[in-house]
Amino acid sequence: RACCPNATLLQYVNPMAINTWGLAERFPDIKQVGLCHSV
């Protein structure tokens, strides 16, 4: 928010679903996507 508010966060950290959900709850303005290679 402070340094690159227009950036996209590519989130590769587990637990992916908990992290993605938690980020959206507190920072809904941040552009993010959780990425995995399981597929």
All heavy atoms as atom14 arrays in JSON, in Angstrom:
{
  "sequence": "RACCPNATLLQYVNPMAINTWGLAERFPDIKQVGLCHSV",
  "atom14_mask": [
    [1, 1, 1, 1, 1, 1, 1, 1, 1, 1, 1, 0, 0, 0],
    [1, 1, 1, 1, 1, 0, 0, 0, 0, 0, 0, 0, 0, 0],
    [1, 1, 1, 1, 1, 1, 0, 0, 0, 0, 0, 0, 0, 0],
    [1, 1, 1, 1, 1, 1, 0, 0, 0, 0, 0, 0, 0, 0],
    [1, 1, 1, 1, 1, 1, 1, 0, 0, 0, 0, 0, 0, 0],
    [1, 1, 1, 1, 1, 1, 1, 1, 0, 0, 0, 0, 0, 0],
    [1, 1, 1, 1, 1, 0, 0, 0, 0, 0, 0, 0, 0, 0],
    [1, 1, 1, 1, 1, 1, 1, 0, 0, 0, 0, 0, 0, 0],
    [1, 1, 1, 1, 1, 1, 1, 1, 0, 0, 0, 0, 0, 0],
    [1, 1, 1, 1, 1, 1, 1, 1, 0, 0, 0, 0, 0, 0],
    [1, 1, 1, 1, 1, 1, 1, 1, 1, 0, 0, 0, 0, 0],
    [1, 1, 1, 1, 1, 1, 1, 1, 1, 1, 1, 1, 0, 0],
    [1, 1, 1, 1, 1, 1, 1, 0, 0, 0, 0, 0, 0, 0],
    [1, 1, 1, 1, 1, 1, 1, 1, 0, 0, 0, 0, 0, 0],
    [1, 1, 1, 1, 1, 1, 1, 0, 0, 0, 0, 0, 0, 0],
    [1, 1, 1, 1, 1, 1, 1, 1, 0, 0, 0, 0, 0, 0],
    [1, 1, 1, 1, 1, 0, 0, 0, 0, 0, 0, 0, 0, 0],
    [1, 1, 1, 1, 1, 1, 1, 1, 0, 0, 0, 0, 0, 0],
    [1, 1, 1, 1, 1, 1, 1, 1, 0, 0, 0, 0, 0, 0],
    [1, 1, 1, 1, 1, 1, 1, 0, 0, 0, 0, 0, 0, 0],
    [1, 1, 1, 1, 1, 1, 1, 1, 1, 1, 1, 1, 1, 1],
    [1, 1, 1, 1, 0, 0, 0, 0, 0, 0, 0, 0, 0, 0],
    [1, 1, 1, 1, 1, 1, 1, 1, 0, 0, 0, 0, 0, 0],
    [1, 1, 1, 1, 1, 0, 0, 0, 0, 0, 0, 0, 0, 0],
    [1, 1, 1, 1, 1, 1, 1, 1, 1, 0, 0, 0, 0, 0],
    [1, 1, 1, 1, 1, 1, 1, 1, 1, 1, 1, 0, 0, 0],
    [1, 1, 1, 1, 1, 1, 1, 1, 1, 1, 1, 0, 0, 0],
    [1, 1, 1, 1, 1, 1, 1, 0, 0, 0, 0, 0, 0, 0],
    [1, 1, 1, 1, 1, 1, 1, 1, 0, 0, 0, 0, 0, 0],
    [1, 1, 1, 1, 1, 1, 1, 1, 0, 0, 0, 0, 0, 0],
    [1, 1, 1, 1, 1, 1, 1, 1, 1, 0, 0, 0, 0, 0],
    [1, 1, 1, 1, 1, 1, 1, 1, 1, 0, 0, 0, 0, 0],
    [1, 1, 1, 1, 1, 1, 1, 0, 0, 0, 0, 0, 0, 0],
    [1, 1, 1, 1, 0, 0, 0, 0, 0, 0, 0, 0, 0, 0],
    [1, 1, 1, 1, 1, 1, 1, 1, 0, 0, 0, 0, 0, 0],
    [1, 1, 1, 1, 1, 1, 0, 0, 0, 0, 0, 0, 0, 0],
    [1, 1, 1, 1, 1, 1, 1, 1, 1, 1, 0, 0, 0, 0],
    [1, 1, 1, 1, 1, 1, 0, 0, 0, 0, 0, 0, 0, 0],
    [1, 1, 1, 1, 1, 1, 1, 0, 0, 0, 0, 0, 0, 0]
  ],
  "atom14_positions": [
    [[0.83, -1.21, 0.0], [0.0, 0.0, 0.0], [0.86, 1.26, 0.0], [0.56, 2.25, -0.67], [-0.9, 0.02, 1.24], [-2.22, -0.67, 1.09], [-3.05, -0.49, 2.36], [-4.33, -1.15, 2.27], [-5.15, -1.32, 3.3], [-4.79, -0.89, 4.51], [-6.32, -1.93, 3.14], [0.0, 0.0, 0.0], [0.0, 0.0, 0.0], [0.0, 0.0, 0.0]],
    [[1.95, 1.21, 0.76], [2.79, 2.38, 0.91], [3.77, 2.56, -0.26], [4.07, 3.69, -0.65], [3.58, 2.29, 2.22], [0.0, 0.0, 0.0], [0.0, 0.0, 0.0], [0.0, 0.0, 0.0], [0.0, 0.0, 0.0], [0.0, 0.0, 0.0], [0.0, 0.0, 0.0], [0.0, 0.0, 0.0], [0.0, 0.0, 0.0], [0.0, 0.0, 0.0]],
    [[4.28, 1.44, -0.81], [5.4, 1.52, -1.74], [5.06, 1.19, -3.19], [5.75, 1.65, -4.11], [6.51, 0.56, -1.29], [7.14, 0.87, 0.35], [0.0, 0.0, 0.0], [0.0, 0.0, 0.0], [0.0, 0.0, 0.0], [0.0, 0.0, 0.0], [0.0, 0.0, 0.0], [0.0, 0.0, 0.0], [0.0, 0.0, 0.0], [0.0, 0.0, 0.0]],
    [[4.03, 0.4, -3.41], [3.69, -0.02, -4.79], [2.22, -0.41, -4.83], [1.89, -1.58, -5.07], [4.59, -1.16, -5.24], [4.68, -2.57, -4.1], [0.0, 0.0, 0.0], [0.0, 0.0, 0.0], [0.0, 0.0, 0.0], [0.0, 0.0, 0.0], [0.0, 0.0, 0.0], [0.0, 0.0, 0.0], [0.0, 0.0, 0.0], [0.0, 0.0, 0.0]],
    [[1.32, 0.53, -4.59], [-0.11, 0.2, -4.45], [-0.74, -0.4, -5.7], [-1.79, -1.03, -5.61], [-0.76, 1.54, -4.1], [0.22, 2.57, -4.6], [1.57, 1.98, -4.44], [0.0, 0.0, 0.0], [0.0, 0.0, 0.0], [0.0, 0.0, 0.0], [0.0, 0.0, 0.0], [0.0, 0.0, 0.0], [0.0, 0.0, 0.0], [0.0, 0.0, 0.0]],
    [[-0.12, -0.22, -6.86], [-0.68, -0.77, -8.1], [-0.07, -2.1, -8.49], [-0.43, -2.66, -9.53], [-0.5, 0.24, -9.24], [-1.29, 1.52, -9.0], [-2.45, 1.47, -8.58], [-0.68, 2.66, -9.25], [0.0, 0.0, 0.0], [0.0, 0.0, 0.0], [0.0, 0.0, 0.0], [0.0, 0.0, 0.0], [0.0, 0.0, 0.0], [0.0, 0.0, 0.0]],
    [[0.83, -2.61, -7.67], [1.5, -3.87, -7.99], [0.54, -5.04, -7.81], [-0.46, -4.96, -7.09], [2.73, -4.05, -7.11], [0.0, 0.0, 0.0], [0.0, 0.0, 0.0], [0.0, 0.0, 0.0], [0.0, 0.0, 0.0], [0.0, 0.0, 0.0], [0.0, 0.0, 0.0], [0.0, 0.0, 0.0], [0.0, 0.0, 0.0], [0.0, 0.0, 0.0]],
    [[0.89, -6.15, -8.44], [0.15, -7.4, -8.27], [0.99, -8.34, -7.42], [2.18, -8.55, -7.7], [-0.15, -8.06, -9.63], [-0.95, -7.16, -10.42], [-0.91, -9.36, -9.44], [0.0, 0.0, 0.0], [0.0, 0.0, 0.0], [0.0, 0.0, 0.0], [0.0, 0.0, 0.0], [0.0, 0.0, 0.0], [0.0, 0.0, 0.0], [0.0, 0.0, 0.0]],
    [[0.37, -8.9, -6.39], [1.04, -9.86, -5.51], [0.81, -11.27, -6.04], [-0.32, -11.72, -6.16], [0.49, -9.74, -4.09], [0.97, -10.77, -3.06], [2.47, -10.7, -2.86], [0.24, -10.58, -1.73], [0.0, 0.0, 0.0], [0.0, 0.0, 0.0], [0.0, 0.0, 0.0], [0.0, 0.0, 0.0], [0.0, 0.0, 0.0], [0.0, 0.0, 0.0]],
    [[1.91, -11.96, -6.35], [1.85, -13.37, -6.75], [2.27, -14.17, -5.53], [3.44, -14.17, -5.15], [2.79, -13.64, -7.93], [2.67, -12.71, -9.15], [3.57, -13.19, -10.27], [1.24, -12.6, -9.62], [0.0, 0.0, 0.0], [0.0, 0.0, 0.0], [0.0, 0.0, 0.0], [0.0, 0.0, 0.0], [0.0, 0.0, 0.0], [0.0, 0.0, 0.0]],
    [[1.32, -14.86, -4.94], [1.47, -15.45, -3.61], [1.68, -16.96, -3.75], [0.78, -17.67, -4.16], [0.21, -15.13, -2.8], [0.4, -15.0, -1.32], [0.52, -16.35, -0.66], [1.6, -16.73, -0.21], [-0.57, -17.08, -0.62], [0.0, 0.0, 0.0], [0.0, 0.0, 0.0], [0.0, 0.0, 0.0], [0.0, 0.0, 0.0], [0.0, 0.0, 0.0]],
    [[2.89, -17.41, -3.42], [3.24, -18.82, -3.58], [3.39, -19.54, -2.24], [3.93, -20.64, -2.19], [4.55, -18.95, -4.35], [4.41, -19.02, -5.85], [4.6, -17.89, -6.64], [4.1, -20.2, -6.49], [4.49, -17.94, -8.02], [3.98, -20.27, -7.87], [4.18, -19.14, -8.64], [4.06, -19.2, -10.0], [0.0, 0.0, 0.0], [0.0, 0.0, 0.0]],
    [[2.94, -18.95, -1.15], [3.2, -19.48, 0.19], [2.02, -20.33, 0.65], [0.86, -19.97, 0.45], [3.44, -18.33, 1.18], [3.79, -18.86, 2.56], [4.55, -17.41, 0.67], [0.0, 0.0, 0.0], [0.0, 0.0, 0.0], [0.0, 0.0, 0.0], [0.0, 0.0, 0.0], [0.0, 0.0, 0.0], [0.0, 0.0, 0.0], [0.0, 0.0, 0.0]],
    [[2.33, -21.44, 1.31], [1.29, -22.27, 1.94], [1.11, -21.88, 3.41], [2.04, -21.39, 4.03], [1.67, -23.75, 1.85], [1.29, -24.35, 0.5], [0.24, -24.04, -0.05], [2.16, -25.18, -0.04], [0.0, 0.0, 0.0], [0.0, 0.0, 0.0], [0.0, 0.0, 0.0], [0.0, 0.0, 0.0], [0.0, 0.0, 0.0], [0.0, 0.0, 0.0]],
    [[-0.09, -22.06, 3.96], [-1.29, -22.66, 3.36], [-2.01, -21.69, 2.42], [-2.54, -20.66, 2.85], [-2.17, -22.99, 4.58], [-1.76, -21.98, 5.61], [-0.3, -21.71, 5.39], [0.0, 0.0, 0.0], [0.0, 0.0, 0.0], [0.0, 0.0, 0.0], [0.0, 0.0, 0.0], [0.0, 0.0, 0.0], [0.0, 0.0, 0.0], [0.0, 0.0, 0.0]],
    [[-2.0, -22.02, 1.14], [-2.45, -21.11, 0.09], [-3.86, -20.55, 0.34], [-4.08, -19.35, 0.26], [-2.43, -21.85, -1.25], [-2.97, -21.06, -2.43], [-1.96, -19.62, -2.78], [-0.46, -20.44, -3.33], [0.0, 0.0, 0.0], [0.0, 0.0, 0.0], [0.0, 0.0, 0.0], [0.0, 0.0, 0.0], [0.0, 0.0, 0.0], [0.0, 0.0, 0.0]],
    [[-4.82, -21.43, 0.63], [-6.21, -20.95, 0.76], [-6.37, -20.05, 1.98], [-7.03, -18.99, 1.91], [-7.16, -22.14, 0.85], [0.0, 0.0, 0.0], [0.0, 0.0, 0.0], [0.0, 0.0, 0.0], [0.0, 0.0, 0.0], [0.0, 0.0, 0.0], [0.0, 0.0, 0.0], [0.0, 0.0, 0.0], [0.0, 0.0, 0.0], [0.0, 0.0, 0.0]],
    [[-5.79, -20.43, 3.11], [-5.87, -19.59, 4.32], [-5.2, -18.25, 4.07], [-5.73, -17.19, 4.44], [-5.23, -20.33, 5.51], [-6.12, -21.51, 5.94], [-5.01, -19.37, 6.69], [-5.49, -22.42, 6.98], [0.0, 0.0, 0.0], [0.0, 0.0, 0.0], [0.0, 0.0, 0.0], [0.0, 0.0, 0.0], [0.0, 0.0, 0.0], [0.0, 0.0, 0.0]],
    [[-4.05, -18.27, 3.41], [-3.33, -17.02, 3.13], [-4.13, -16.09, 2.22], [-4.25, -14.89, 2.46], [-1.98, -17.32, 2.48], [-1.02, -18.02, 3.41], [-1.19, -18.02, 4.62], [0.0, -18.63, 2.85], [0.0, 0.0, 0.0], [0.0, 0.0, 0.0], [0.0, 0.0, 0.0], [0.0, 0.0, 0.0], [0.0, 0.0, 0.0], [0.0, 0.0, 0.0]],
    [[-4.65, -16.67, 1.13], [-5.41, -15.86, 0.16], [-6.65, -15.26, 0.81], [-6.97, -14.08, 0.61], [-5.8, -16.74, -1.05], [-4.62, -17.27, -1.65], [-6.59, -15.96, -2.07], [0.0, 0.0, 0.0], [0.0, 0.0, 0.0], [0.0, 0.0, 0.0], [0.0, 0.0, 0.0], [0.0, 0.0, 0.0], [0.0, 0.0, 0.0], [0.0, 0.0, 0.0]],
    [[-7.35, -16.07, 1.59], [-8.56, -15.6, 2.27], [-8.21, -14.53, 3.29], [-8.84, -13.47, 3.36], [-9.22, -16.81, 2.95], [-10.64, -16.63, 3.37], [-11.3, -15.46, 3.61], [-11.6, -17.69, 3.6], [-12.62, -15.72, 3.99], [-12.81, -17.07, 3.98], [-11.53, -19.07, 3.54], [-13.95, -17.81, 4.31], [-12.66, -19.81, 3.85], [-13.85, -19.19, 4.22]],
    [[-7.18, -14.78, 4.1], [-6.77, -13.81, 5.11], [-6.34, -12.49, 4.51], [-6.66, -11.41, 5.04], [0.0, 0.0, 0.0], [0.0, 0.0, 0.0], [0.0, 0.0, 0.0], [0.0, 0.0, 0.0], [0.0, 0.0, 0.0], [0.0, 0.0, 0.0], [0.0, 0.0, 0.0], [0.0, 0.0, 0.0], [0.0, 0.0, 0.0], [0.0, 0.0, 0.0]],
    [[-5.6, -12.52, 3.41], [-5.19, -11.29, 2.75], [-6.4, -10.48, 2.28], [-6.46, -9.26, 2.47], [-4.3, -11.62, 1.54], [-2.82, -11.79, 1.81], [-2.14, -12.44, 0.63], [-2.17, -10.44, 2.12], [0.0, 0.0, 0.0], [0.0, 0.0, 0.0], [0.0, 0.0, 0.0], [0.0, 0.0, 0.0], [0.0, 0.0, 0.0], [0.0, 0.0, 0.0]],
    [[-7.36, -11.15, 1.68], [-8.54, -10.45, 1.16], [-9.37, -9.83, 2.27], [-9.97, -8.76, 2.09], [-9.38, -11.41, 0.33], [0.0, 0.0, 0.0], [0.0, 0.0, 0.0], [0.0, 0.0, 0.0], [0.0, 0.0, 0.0], [0.0, 0.0, 0.0], [0.0, 0.0, 0.0], [0.0, 0.0, 0.0], [0.0, 0.0, 0.0], [0.0, 0.0, 0.0]],
    [[-9.43, -10.48, 3.44], [-10.21, -9.95, 4.55], [-9.64, -8.64, 5.07], [-10.39, -7.72, 5.38], [-10.26, -10.98, 5.68], [-11.13, -12.2, 5.4], [-12.61, -11.86, 5.36], [-13.08, -11.07, 6.21], [-13.31, -12.39, 4.48], [0.0, 0.0, 0.0], [0.0, 0.0, 0.0], [0.0, 0.0, 0.0], [0.0, 0.0, 0.0], [0.0, 0.0, 0.0]],
    [[-8.33, -8.54, 5.19], [-7.7, -7.36, 5.77], [-7.28, -6.33, 4.72], [-7.27, -5.13, 5.0], [-6.49, -7.81, 6.6], [-5.76, -6.72, 7.38], [-6.58, -6.11, 8.5], [-6.98, -7.04, 9.52], [-6.24, -7.35, 10.59], [-5.03, -6.83, 10.75], [-6.71, -8.19, 11.51], [0.0, 0.0, 0.0], [0.0, 0.0, 0.0], [0.0, 0.0, 0.0]],
    [[-6.95, -6.78, 3.52], [-6.45, -5.88, 2.47], [-7.17, -6.14, 1.15], [-6.56, -6.61, 0.18], [-4.93, -6.07, 2.3], [-4.12, -5.59, 3.46], [-3.83, -6.44, 4.52], [-3.65, -4.28, 3.51], [-3.1, -6.01, 5.6], [-2.91, -3.83, 4.59], [-2.63, -4.69, 5.65], [0.0, 0.0, 0.0], [0.0, 0.0, 0.0], [0.0, 0.0, 0.0]],
    [[-8.45, -5.83, 1.09], [-9.22, -6.12, -0.13], [-8.78, -5.29, -1.33], [-9.11, -5.63, -2.47], [-10.66, -5.79, 0.28], [-10.52, -4.82, 1.42], [-9.3, -5.23, 2.15], [0.0, 0.0, 0.0], [0.0, 0.0, 0.0], [0.0, 0.0, 0.0], [0.0, 0.0, 0.0], [0.0, 0.0, 0.0], [0.0, 0.0, 0.0], [0.0, 0.0, 0.0]],
    [[-8.05, -4.2, -1.09], [-7.61, -3.33, -2.18], [-6.36, -3.83, -2.88], [-6.04, -3.37, -3.99], [-7.34, -1.93, -1.64], [-6.37, -1.93, -0.46], [-6.64, -2.67, 0.51], [-5.36, -1.2, -0.48], [0.0, 0.0, 0.0], [0.0, 0.0, 0.0], [0.0, 0.0, 0.0], [0.0, 0.0, 0.0], [0.0, 0.0, 0.0], [0.0, 0.0, 0.0]],
    [[-5.63, -4.74, -2.26], [-4.39, -5.24, -2.86], [-4.72, -6.26, -3.94], [-5.49, -7.2, -3.73], [-3.49, -5.87, -1.78], [-3.0, -4.81, -0.8], [-2.32, -6.61, -2.41], [-2.11, -3.75, -1.39], [0.0, 0.0, 0.0], [0.0, 0.0, 0.0], [0.0, 0.0, 0.0], [0.0, 0.0, 0.0], [0.0, 0.0, 0.0], [0.0, 0.0, 0.0]],
    [[-4.13, -6.08, -5.12], [-4.31, -7.04, -6.2], [-3.44, -8.26, -5.9], [-2.22, -8.14, -5.79], [-3.91, -6.42, -7.54], [-4.84, -5.32, -8.0], [-4.48, -4.79, -9.38], [-3.28, -3.86, -9.3], [-3.01, -3.22, -10.61], [0.0, 0.0, 0.0], [0.0, 0.0, 0.0], [0.0, 0.0, 0.0], [0.0, 0.0, 0.0], [0.0, 0.0, 0.0]],
    [[-4.06, -9.4, -5.76], [-3.32, -10.61, -5.4], [-3.89, -11.81, -6.12], [-5.05, -11.85, -6.52], [-3.42, -10.85, -3.88], [-4.86, -11.04, -3.38], [-5.0, -12.12, -2.31], [-4.24, -13.08, -2.28], [-6.0, -11.96, -1.45], [0.0, 0.0, 0.0], [0.0, 0.0, 0.0], [0.0, 0.0, 0.0], [0.0, 0.0, 0.0], [0.0, 0.0, 0.0]],
    [[-3.05, -12.82, -6.26], [-3.49, -14.12, -6.74], [-2.58, -15.18, -6.11], [-1.37, -14.98, -5.99], [-3.45, -14.21, -8.28], [-2.04, -14.0, -8.83], [-4.01, -15.56, -8.75], [0.0, 0.0, 0.0], [0.0, 0.0, 0.0], [0.0, 0.0, 0.0], [0.0, 0.0, 0.0], [0.0, 0.0, 0.0], [0.0, 0.0, 0.0], [0.0, 0.0, 0.0]],
    [[-3.18, -16.26, -5.65], [-2.41, -17.38, -5.13], [-2.1, -18.35, -6.26], [-2.99, -18.75, -7.01], [0.0, 0.0, 0.0], [0.0, 0.0, 0.0], [0.0, 0.0, 0.0], [0.0, 0.0, 0.0], [0.0, 0.0, 0.0], [0.0, 0.0, 0.0], [0.0, 0.0, 0.0], [0.0, 0.0, 0.0], [0.0, 0.0, 0.0], [0.0, 0.0, 0.0]],
    [[-0.83, -18.72, -6.39], [-0.4, -19.59, -7.48], [0.22, -20.87, -6.94], [0.92, -20.85, -5.93], [0.62, -18.87, -8.37], [0.12, -17.62, -9.09], [1.25, -16.96, -9.86], [-1.05, -17.94, -10.02], [0.0, 0.0, 0.0], [0.0, 0.0, 0.0], [0.0, 0.0, 0.0], [0.0, 0.0, 0.0], [0.0, 0.0, 0.0], [0.0, 0.0, 0.0]],
    [[-0.05, -21.96, -7.63], [0.41, -23.28, -7.21], [0.75, -24.07, -8.47], [0.31, -23.71, -9.57], [-0.71, -23.97, -6.42], [-0.34, -25.62, -5.8], [0.0, 0.0, 0.0], [0.0, 0.0, 0.0], [0.0, 0.0, 0.0], [0.0, 0.0, 0.0], [0.0, 0.0, 0.0], [0.0, 0.0, 0.0], [0.0, 0.0, 0.0], [0.0, 0.0, 0.0]],
    [[1.54, -25.13, -8.34], [1.87, -25.94, -9.52], [1.23, -27.32, -9.47], [1.65, -28.23, -10.19], [3.38, -26.05, -9.72], [4.14, -26.32, -8.46], [5.18, -25.52, -8.04], [4.0, -27.28, -7.52], [5.65, -25.99, -6.9], [4.96, -27.05, -6.58], [0.0, 0.0, 0.0], [0.0, 0.0, 0.0], [0.0, 0.0, 0.0], [0.0, 0.0, 0.0]],
    [[0.24, -27.5, -8.61], [-0.36, -28.84, -8.5], [-1.08, -29.26, -9.78], [-1.06, -30.45, -10.14], [-1.31, -28.9, -7.3], [-2.34, -27.96, -7.41], [0.0, 0.0, 0.0], [0.0, 0.0, 0.0], [0.0, 0.0, 0.0], [0.0, 0.0, 0.0], [0.0, 0.0, 0.0], [0.0, 0.0, 0.0], [0.0, 0.0, 0.0], [0.0, 0.0, 0.0]],
    [[-1.72, -28.33, -10.47], [-2.42, -28.69, -11.71], [-1.41, -29.18, -12.75], [-1.57, -30.24, -13.36], [-3.24, -27.51, -12.24], [-3.82, -27.84, -13.62], [-4.37, -27.14, -11.28], [0.0, 0.0, 0.0], [0.0, 0.0, 0.0], [0.0, 0.0, 0.0], [0.0, 0.0, 0.0], [0.0, 0.0, 0.0], [0.0, 0.0, 0.0], [0.0, 0.0, 0.0]]
  ]
}
